[in-house]
Amino acid sequence: MEILQNFLDSPLPFAALVVSITMFFGSFLIASEVILEKMRLSQRKAYWAGRKHGKSGPKTPADYAADQLKKVSEARFVARALLNASEAKVFDTLDKAVSARNPQWQVMAQVSLGEFLASADKDAFLAVNSKRVDFALMDANCCVRHAIEYQGSGHHTGTTAAARDAIKKEALRKAGIGYHEVVAGHTTPSELRALVEKLVPNGRGRVAALREAASR
């Protein structure tokens, strides 16, 4: 007991223990997500492989495409809103604030991480490929610089929400992309505009100068 107490009283070993536990659970979450993504991919392939029972021989990419086109042509589709009412309000505030701060920057909604992140590690990429950020702030070079997640009232009702968020945060952190949360019922429009002022460089003067030079 005395040895254990001495261990707990010592700040350095305890801090190391906390870091080790955090890294362990982080690795566990990422490994679990990779397994799930591979299972989903295998299920999709198996589903489309079974669409043509009468065709002999291995299926080609053209066969899969033909199966999918047939299925889509037989189904009914309807358009739906990309954002719900609460998310649309956040987008509107963000879009106006970013445009006022720097017209060369853009706000993107519901962007898959696989569209703006890359990794030589295939398993790590699969872990984030299909995950999305609610809003992405894109600079004049079409590079995502910050991700903003809208935490609505039902965000944490699922059992895997925290794990998904942790994976996204870590991938974005490693890519040097900022991660920021907007909480429903807590983050006000003025606070959101203040966040944009902090994250987006002021480009109004530069844009005006470029326009003036172009008009000469």
C-alpha atoms as a PDB file:
ATOM      1  CA  MET A   1       0.000   0.000   0.000  1.00  0.00           C
ATOM      2  CA  GLU A   2       2.848   2.375   0.808  1.00  0.00           C
ATOM      3  CA  ILE A   3       4.423   1.784  -2.617  1.00  0.00           C
ATOM      4  CA  LEU A   4       1.088   2.408  -4.350  1.00  0.00           C
ATOM      5  CA  GLN A   5       0.523   5.596  -2.335  1.00  0.00           C
ATOM      6  CA  ASN A   6       4.001   6.852  -3.182  1.00  0.00           C
ATOM      7  CA  PHE A   7       3.270   6.170  -6.861  1.00  0.00           C
ATOM      8  CA  LEU A   8       0.008   8.100  -6.751  1.00  0.00           C
ATOM      9  CA  ASP A   9       1.576  10.978  -4.815  1.00  0.00           C
ATOM     10  CA  SER A  10       4.328  11.359  -7.396  1.00  0.00           C
ATOM     11  CA  PRO A  11       3.100  13.738 -10.148  1.00  0.00           C
ATOM     12  CA  LEU A  12       5.364  12.505 -12.940  1.00  0.00           C
ATOM     13  CA  PRO A  13       4.385   8.776 -12.900  1.00  0.00           C
ATOM     14  CA  PHE A  14       0.715   9.670 -12.466  1.00  0.00           C
ATOM     15  CA  ALA A  15       0.847  12.058 -15.439  1.00  0.00           C
ATOM     16  CA  ALA A  16       2.567   9.370 -17.487  1.00  0.00           C
ATOM     17  CA  LEU A  17      -0.165   6.925 -16.496  1.00  0.00           C
ATOM     18  CA  VAL A  18      -2.882   9.338 -17.623  1.00  0.00           C
ATOM     19  CA  VAL A  19      -1.128   9.891 -20.958  1.00  0.00           C
ATOM     20  CA  SER A  20      -0.742   6.135 -21.462  1.00  0.00           C
ATOM     21  CA  ILE A  21      -4.410   5.490 -20.731  1.00  0.00           C
ATOM     22  CA  THR A  22      -5.455   8.305 -23.082  1.00  0.00           C
ATOM     23  CA  MET A  23      -3.251   6.969 -25.886  1.00  0.00           C
ATOM     24  CA  PHE A  24      -4.563   3.446 -25.318  1.00  0.00           C
ATOM     25  CA  PHE A  25      -8.197   4.464 -25.612  1.00  0.00           C
ATOM     26  CA  GLY A  26      -7.421   6.689 -28.599  1.00  0.00           C
ATOM     27  CA  SER A  27      -5.748   3.786 -30.389  1.00  0.00           C
ATOM     28  CA  PHE A  28      -8.643   1.523 -29.451  1.00  0.00           C
ATOM     29  CA  LEU A  29     -11.211   3.966 -30.897  1.00  0.00           C
ATOM     30  CA  ILE A  30      -9.298   4.361 -34.150  1.00  0.00           C
ATOM     31  CA  ALA A  31      -8.781   0.597 -34.509  1.00  0.00           C
ATOM     32  CA  SER A  32     -12.471  -0.016 -33.871  1.00  0.00           C
ATOM     33  CA  GLU A  33     -13.469   2.551 -36.473  1.00  0.00           C
ATOM     34  CA  VAL A  34     -11.138   1.013 -39.053  1.00  0.00           C
ATOM     35  CA  ILE A  35     -12.690  -2.412 -38.439  1.00  0.00           C
ATOM     36  CA  LEU A  36     -16.213  -0.990 -38.747  1.00  0.00           C
ATOM     37  CA  GLU A  37     -15.346   0.856 -41.954  1.00  0.00           C
ATOM     38  CA  LYS A  38     -13.853  -2.296 -43.472  1.00  0.00           C
ATOM     39  CA  MET A  39     -16.970  -4.254 -42.465  1.00  0.00           C
ATOM     40  CA  ARG A  40     -19.215  -1.632 -44.075  1.00  0.00           C
ATOM     41  CA  LEU A  41     -17.103  -1.730 -47.236  1.00  0.00           C
ATOM     42  CA  SER A  42     -17.235  -5.543 -47.340  1.00  0.00           C
ATOM     43  CA  GLN A  43     -20.990  -5.492 -46.803  1.00  0.00           C
ATOM     44  CA  ARG A  44     -21.484  -3.037 -49.661  1.00  0.00           C
ATOM     45  CA  LYS A  45     -19.331  -5.146 -51.975  1.00  0.00           C
ATOM     46  CA  ALA A  46     -21.116  -8.327 -50.943  1.00  0.00           C
ATOM     47  CA  TYR A  47     -24.494  -6.674 -51.509  1.00  0.00           C
ATOM     48  CA  TRP A  48     -23.676  -5.558 -55.024  1.00  0.00           C
ATOM     49  CA  ALA A  49     -21.915  -8.829 -55.801  1.00  0.00           C
ATOM     50  CA  GLY A  50     -25.168 -10.636 -55.083  1.00  0.00           C
ATOM     51  CA  ARG A  51     -27.333  -8.409 -57.266  1.00  0.00           C
ATOM     52  CA  LYS A  52     -26.701 -10.529 -60.381  1.00  0.00           C
ATOM     53  CA  HIS A  53     -27.202 -14.148 -59.423  1.00  0.00           C
ATOM     54  CA  GLY A  54     -27.370 -15.355 -63.004  1.00  0.00           C
ATOM     55  CA  LYS A  55     -24.046 -13.919 -64.161  1.00  0.00           C
ATOM     56  CA  SER A  56     -21.099 -16.307 -64.124  1.00  0.00           C
ATOM     57  CA  GLY A  57     -17.530 -15.349 -63.438  1.00  0.00           C
ATOM     58  CA  PRO A  58     -16.097 -12.570 -61.258  1.00  0.00           C
ATOM     59  CA  LYS A  59     -17.831  -9.202 -61.330  1.00  0.00           C
ATOM     60  CA  THR A  60     -16.020  -6.253 -62.829  1.00  0.00           C
ATOM     61  CA  PRO A  61     -16.283  -2.566 -61.811  1.00  0.00           C
ATOM     62  CA  ALA A  62     -18.516  -2.131 -64.869  1.00  0.00           C
ATOM     63  CA  ASP A  63     -20.839  -4.817 -63.507  1.00  0.00           C
ATOM     64  CA  TYR A  64     -21.094  -3.049 -60.156  1.00  0.00           C
ATOM     65  CA  ALA A  65     -21.808   0.252 -61.894  1.00  0.00           C
ATOM     66  CA  ALA A  66     -24.492  -1.365 -64.057  1.00  0.00           C
ATOM     67  CA  ASP A  67     -26.124  -2.928 -60.992  1.00  0.00           C
ATOM     68  CA  GLN A  68     -26.142   0.363 -59.152  1.00  0.00           C
ATOM     69  CA  LEU A  69     -27.513   2.265 -62.147  1.00  0.00           C
ATOM     70  CA  LYS A  70     -30.338  -0.264 -62.501  1.00  0.00           C
ATOM     71  CA  LYS A  71     -31.184   0.009 -58.817  1.00  0.00           C
ATOM     72  CA  VAL A  72     -31.138   3.821 -58.920  1.00  0.00           C
ATOM     73  CA  SER A  73     -33.269   3.955 -62.083  1.00  0.00           C
ATOM     74  CA  GLU A  74     -35.930   1.807 -60.381  1.00  0.00           C
ATOM     75  CA  ALA A  75     -36.010   3.839 -57.146  1.00  0.00           C
ATOM     76  CA  ARG A  76     -37.754   7.100 -56.320  1.00  0.00           C
ATOM     77  CA  PHE A  77     -35.682  10.013 -55.084  1.00  0.00           C
ATOM     78  CA  VAL A  78     -36.729  13.279 -53.484  1.00  0.00           C
ATOM     79  CA  ALA A  79     -34.622  16.327 -52.676  1.00  0.00           C
ATOM     80  CA  ARG A  80     -34.133  17.186 -49.022  1.00  0.00           C
ATOM     81  CA  ALA A  81     -32.447  20.015 -47.158  1.00  0.00           C
ATOM     82  CA  LEU A  82     -28.734  19.614 -46.542  1.00  0.00           C
ATOM     83  CA  LEU A  83     -29.107  21.305 -43.131  1.00  0.00           C
ATOM     84  CA  ASN A  84     -31.886  21.322 -40.576  1.00  0.00           C
ATOM     85  CA  ALA A  85     -33.382  24.610 -39.372  1.00  0.00           C
ATOM     86  CA  SER A  86     -30.918  25.089 -36.495  1.00  0.00           C
ATOM     87  CA  GLU A  87     -27.899  24.218 -38.624  1.00  0.00           C
ATOM     88  CA  ALA A  88     -29.136  26.578 -41.360  1.00  0.00           C
ATOM     89  CA  LYS A  89     -29.176  29.473 -38.877  1.00  0.00           C
ATOM     90  CA  VAL A  90     -25.603  28.702 -37.840  1.00  0.00           C
ATOM     91  CA  PHE A  91     -24.546  28.485 -41.486  1.00  0.00           C
ATOM     92  CA  ASP A  92     -26.191  31.830 -42.293  1.00  0.00           C
ATOM     93  CA  THR A  93     -24.418  33.568 -39.399  1.00  0.00           C
ATOM     94  CA  LEU A  94     -21.085  31.967 -40.309  1.00  0.00           C
ATOM     95  CA  ASP A  95     -21.430  32.754 -44.000  1.00  0.00           C
ATOM     96  CA  LYS A  96     -22.213  36.434 -43.410  1.00  0.00           C
ATOM     97  CA  ALA A  97     -19.453  36.815 -40.823  1.00  0.00           C
ATOM     98  CA  VAL A  98     -16.812  35.136 -42.983  1.00  0.00           C
ATOM     99  CA  SER A  99     -17.823  37.116 -46.073  1.00  0.00           C
ATOM    100  CA  ALA A 100     -17.614  40.367 -44.110  1.00  0.00           C
ATOM    101  CA  ARG A 101     -14.243  39.434 -42.652  1.00  0.00           C
ATOM    102  CA  ASN A 102     -12.593  38.081 -45.805  1.00  0.00           C
ATOM    103  CA  PRO A 103     -14.522  37.698 -49.097  1.00  0.00           C
ATOM    104  CA  GLN A 104     -11.912  35.252 -50.384  1.00  0.00           C
ATOM    105  CA  TRP A 105     -12.826  32.704 -47.734  1.00  0.00           C
ATOM    106  CA  GLN A 106     -15.850  30.404 -48.003  1.00  0.00           C
ATOM    107  CA  VAL A 107     -18.026  28.385 -45.636  1.00  0.00           C
ATOM    108  CA  MET A 108     -18.689  24.789 -46.727  1.00  0.00           C
ATOM    109  CA  ALA A 109     -21.330  22.549 -45.144  1.00  0.00           C
ATOM    110  CA  GLN A 110     -21.322  18.794 -44.477  1.00  0.00           C
ATOM    111  CA  VAL A 111     -17.874  18.070 -45.910  1.00  0.00           C
ATOM    112  CA  SER A 112     -16.368  14.582 -45.730  1.00  0.00           C
ATOM    113  CA  LEU A 113     -12.946  14.475 -44.086  1.00  0.00           C
ATOM    114  CA  GLY A 114     -11.697  12.279 -46.912  1.00  0.00           C
ATOM    115  CA  GLU A 115     -12.168  15.209 -49.282  1.00  0.00           C
ATOM    116  CA  PHE A 116      -9.620  17.435 -47.558  1.00  0.00           C
ATOM    117  CA  LEU A 117      -7.436  15.051 -45.529  1.00  0.00           C
ATOM    118  CA  ALA A 118      -4.930  12.537 -46.861  1.00  0.00           C
ATOM    119  CA  SER A 119      -2.812   9.838 -45.228  1.00  0.00           C
ATOM    120  CA  ALA A 120      -0.373   7.245 -46.495  1.00  0.00           C
ATOM    121  CA  ASP A 121      -1.757   4.931 -43.810  1.00  0.00           C
ATOM    122  CA  LYS A 122      -4.725   3.250 -45.528  1.00  0.00           C
ATOM    123  CA  ASP A 123      -6.328   2.050 -42.299  1.00  0.00           C
ATOM    124  CA  ALA A 124      -6.078   5.498 -40.707  1.00  0.00           C
ATOM    125  CA  PHE A 125      -7.592   7.081 -43.814  1.00  0.00           C
ATOM    126  CA  LEU A 126     -10.475   4.596 -43.780  1.00  0.00           C
ATOM    127  CA  ALA A 127     -11.146   5.588 -40.173  1.00  0.00           C
ATOM    128  CA  VAL A 128     -11.901   9.179 -41.184  1.00  0.00           C
ATOM    129  CA  ASN A 129     -12.815   9.000 -44.866  1.00  0.00           C
ATOM    130  CA  SER A 130     -16.602   8.886 -44.507  1.00  0.00           C
ATOM    131  CA  LYS A 131     -16.836  11.123 -41.452  1.00  0.00           C
ATOM    132  CA  ARG A 132     -18.063  14.684 -41.948  1.00  0.00           C
ATOM    133  CA  VAL A 133     -17.649  18.056 -40.340  1.00  0.00           C
ATOM    134  CA  ASP A 134     -20.720  20.277 -40.128  1.00  0.00           C
ATOM    135  CA  PHE A 135     -18.953  23.383 -41.404  1.00  0.00           C
ATOM    136  CA  ALA A 136     -15.523  23.940 -42.936  1.00  0.00           C
ATOM    137  CA  LEU A 137     -13.839  27.322 -43.373  1.00  0.00           C
ATOM    138  CA  MET A 138     -11.952  27.300 -46.687  1.00  0.00           C
ATOM    139  CA  ASP A 139      -9.300  29.887 -47.540  1.00  0.00           C
ATOM    140  CA  ALA A 140      -8.549  31.586 -50.862  1.00  0.00           C
ATOM    141  CA  ASN A 141      -6.440  28.578 -51.943  1.00  0.00           C
ATOM    142  CA  CYS A 142      -9.367  26.179 -51.425  1.00  0.00           C
ATOM    143  CA  CYS A 143      -7.692  24.688 -48.354  1.00  0.00           C
ATOM    144  CA  VAL A 144      -9.774  23.928 -45.269  1.00  0.00           C
ATOM    145  CA  ARG A 145      -8.272  25.810 -42.349  1.00  0.00           C
ATOM    146  CA  HIS A 146     -10.868  25.268 -39.627  1.00  0.00           C
ATOM    147  CA  ALA A 147     -13.682  22.816 -38.904  1.00  0.00           C
ATOM    148  CA  ILE A 148     -16.734  23.842 -36.882  1.00  0.00           C
ATOM    149  CA  GLU A 149     -19.013  21.223 -35.354  1.00  0.00           C
ATOM    150  CA  TYR A 150     -22.573  22.068 -34.362  1.00  0.00           C
ATOM    151  CA  GLN A 151     -23.505  20.201 -31.196  1.00  0.00           C
ATOM    152  CA  GLY A 152     -27.293  20.061 -31.349  1.00  0.00           C
ATOM    153  CA  SER A 153     -29.548  18.793 -28.579  1.00  0.00           C
ATOM    154  CA  GLY A 154     -29.441  15.234 -29.889  1.00  0.00           C
ATOM    155  CA  HIS A 155     -25.744  15.090 -30.756  1.00  0.00           C
ATOM    156  CA  HIS A 156     -24.646  12.938 -27.828  1.00  0.00           C
ATOM    157  CA  THR A 157     -27.709  10.684 -27.665  1.00  0.00           C
ATOM    158  CA  GLY A 158     -25.922   7.991 -29.679  1.00  0.00           C
ATOM    159  CA  THR A 159     -23.452   5.614 -28.059  1.00  0.00           C
ATOM    160  CA  THR A 160     -20.628   6.325 -30.532  1.00  0.00           C
ATOM    161  CA  ALA A 161     -20.856  10.128 -30.850  1.00  0.00           C
ATOM    162  CA  ALA A 162     -17.987  10.799 -28.438  1.00  0.00           C
ATOM    163  CA  ALA A 163     -15.771   8.225 -30.175  1.00  0.00           C
ATOM    164  CA  ARG A 164     -16.474   9.726 -33.609  1.00  0.00           C
ATOM    165  CA  ASP A 165     -15.721  13.214 -32.329  1.00  0.00           C
ATOM    166  CA  ALA A 166     -12.432  12.052 -30.774  1.00  0.00           C
ATOM    167  CA  ILE A 167     -11.306  10.477 -34.054  1.00  0.00           C
ATOM    168  CA  LYS A 168     -12.173  13.593 -36.058  1.00  0.00           C
ATOM    169  CA  LYS A 169     -10.421  15.872 -33.570  1.00  0.00           C
ATOM    170  CA  GLU A 170      -7.216  13.832 -33.660  1.00  0.00           C
ATOM    171  CA  ALA A 171      -7.101  13.635 -37.461  1.00  0.00           C
ATOM    172  CA  LEU A 172      -7.736  17.375 -37.810  1.00  0.00           C
ATOM    173  CA  ARG A 173      -5.155  18.186 -35.137  1.00  0.00           C
ATOM    174  CA  LYS A 174      -2.493  16.176 -36.943  1.00  0.00           C
ATOM    175  CA  ALA A 175      -3.306  17.953 -40.203  1.00  0.00           C
ATOM    176  CA  GLY A 176      -2.967  21.353 -38.534  1.00  0.00           C
ATOM    177  CA  ILE A 177      -6.660  22.169 -38.992  1.00  0.00           C
ATOM    178  CA  GLY A 178      -8.507  23.899 -36.168  1.00  0.00           C
ATOM    179  CA  TYR A 179     -11.488  22.232 -34.502  1.00  0.00           C
ATOM    180  CA  HIS A 180     -14.182  24.317 -32.836  1.00  0.00           C
ATOM    181  CA  GLU A 181     -17.574  23.484 -31.362  1.00  0.00           C
ATOM    182  CA  VAL A 182     -20.802  25.477 -31.476  1.00  0.00           C
ATOM    183  CA  VAL A 183     -23.251  24.341 -28.806  1.00  0.00           C
ATOM    184  CA  ALA A 184     -26.986  24.693 -29.355  1.00  0.00           C
ATOM    185  CA  GLY A 185     -28.581  26.996 -26.805  1.00  0.00           C
ATOM    186  CA  HIS A 186     -25.219  28.255 -25.536  1.00  0.00           C
ATOM    187  CA  THR A 187     -23.256  29.789 -28.414  1.00  0.00           C
ATOM    188  CA  THR A 188     -24.855  33.101 -29.385  1.00  0.00           C
ATOM    189  CA  PRO A 189     -24.650  34.708 -32.866  1.00  0.00           C
ATOM    190  CA  SER A 190     -22.366  37.410 -31.459  1.00  0.00           C
ATOM    191  CA  GLU A 191     -20.040  34.757 -30.030  1.00  0.00           C
ATOM    192  CA  LEU A 192     -20.050  33.002 -33.396  1.00  0.00           C
ATOM    193  CA  ARG A 193     -19.099  36.237 -35.154  1.00  0.00           C
ATOM    194  CA  ALA A 194     -16.352  36.793 -32.582  1.00  0.00           C
ATOM    195  CA  LEU A 195     -15.025  33.298 -33.345  1.00  0.00           C
ATOM    196  CA  VAL A 196     -14.868  34.142 -37.044  1.00  0.00           C
ATOM    197  CA  GLU A 197     -12.992  37.366 -36.244  1.00  0.00           C
ATOM    198  CA  LYS A 198     -10.452  35.239 -34.392  1.00  0.00           C
ATOM    199  CA  LEU A 199     -10.085  32.488 -36.997  1.00  0.00           C
ATOM    200  CA  VAL A 200     -10.294  34.313 -40.329  1.00  0.00           C
ATOM    201  CA  PRO A 201      -7.627  36.856 -41.303  1.00  0.00           C
ATOM    202  CA  ASN A 202      -8.946  40.260 -42.259  1.00  0.00           C
ATOM    203  CA  GLY A 203      -8.951  40.430 -46.046  1.00  0.00           C
ATOM    204  CA  ARG A 204     -11.289  43.334 -46.755  1.00  0.00           C
ATOM    205  CA  GLY A 205      -8.491  45.837 -47.299  1.00  0.00           C
ATOM    206  CA  ARG A 206      -6.485  43.510 -49.540  1.00  0.00           C
ATOM    207  CA  VAL A 207      -9.509  42.656 -51.680  1.00  0.00           C
ATOM    208  CA  ALA A 208     -10.365  46.339 -52.075  1.00  0.00           C
ATOM    209  CA  ALA A 209      -6.785  47.111 -53.101  1.00  0.00           C
ATOM    210  CA  LEU A 210      -6.793  44.311 -55.684  1.00  0.00           C
ATOM    211  CA  ARG A 211     -10.076  45.521 -57.141  1.00  0.00           C
ATOM    212  CA  GLU A 212      -8.786  49.067 -57.342  1.00  0.00           C
ATOM    213  CA  ALA A 213      -5.591  47.911 -59.086  1.00  0.00           C
ATOM    214  CA  ALA A 214      -7.617  45.821 -61.554  1.00  0.00           C
ATOM    215  CA  SER A 215      -9.828  48.773 -62.439  1.00  0.00           C
ATOM    216  CA  ARG A 216      -6.912  50.990 -63.407  1.00  0.00           C
END
